[in-house]
Amino acid sequence: MKRLSAAILLSLFTLALLSGCNTMRGAGEDISAGGEAIQRSAD
């Protein structure tokens, strides 16, 4: 039972970690796109 609980906990932790990476990547792309738009409008 402890092994099953540990496996479930580990898989949930991994899923949460991967979801967080995708969220940060998306935020980075949004910030980058915003910076490029500002740069284009300044030219």
Protein backbone atom coordinates (compact mmCIF):
# COMPACT_ATOMS: atom_id res chain seq x y z
CA MET A 1 0.00 0.00 0.00
CA LYS A 2 2.84 2.39 0.81
CA ARG A 3 4.49 1.71 -2.55
CA LEU A 4 1.24 2.46 -4.40
CA SER A 5 0.77 5.70 -2.46
CA ALA A 6 4.36 6.71 -3.15
CA ALA A 7 3.98 5.97 -6.87
CA ILE A 8 0.78 8.01 -7.10
CA LEU A 9 2.35 10.89 -5.18
CA LEU A 10 5.42 10.84 -7.39
CA SER A 11 3.35 10.84 -10.59
CA LEU A 12 1.21 13.75 -9.35
CA PHE A 13 4.33 15.70 -8.39
CA THR A 14 5.85 15.07 -11.83
CA LEU A 15 2.65 16.18 -13.55
CA ALA A 16 2.51 19.36 -11.48
CA LEU A 17 6.15 20.09 -12.22
CA LEU A 18 5.66 19.66 -15.97
CA SER A 19 2.53 21.82 -15.93
CA GLY A 20 4.46 24.56 -14.14
CA CYS A 21 7.19 24.47 -16.76
CA ASN A 22 4.66 24.86 -19.55
CA THR A 23 3.06 27.78 -17.76
CA MET A 24 6.38 29.56 -17.27
CA ARG A 25 7.33 28.91 -20.89
CA GLY A 26 4.04 30.44 -22.06
CA ALA A 27 4.53 33.46 -19.82
CA GLY A 28 8.04 33.93 -21.20
CA GLU A 29 6.76 33.80 -24.76
CA ASP A 30 4.03 36.35 -23.96
CA ILE A 31 6.54 38.74 -22.38
CA SER A 32 8.87 38.31 -25.34
CA ALA A 33 6.07 39.03 -27.82
CA GLY A 34 5.10 42.13 -25.85
CA GLY A 35 8.67 43.39 -25.90
CA GLU A 36 8.91 42.85 -29.65
CA ALA A 37 5.65 44.78 -30.19
CA ILE A 38 6.97 47.70 -28.16
CA GLN A 39 10.22 47.64 -30.10
CA ARG A 40 8.38 47.67 -33.45
CA SER A 41 6.20 50.61 -32.38
CA ALA A 42 9.28 52.57 -31.28
CA ASP A 43 10.86 52.22 -34.73
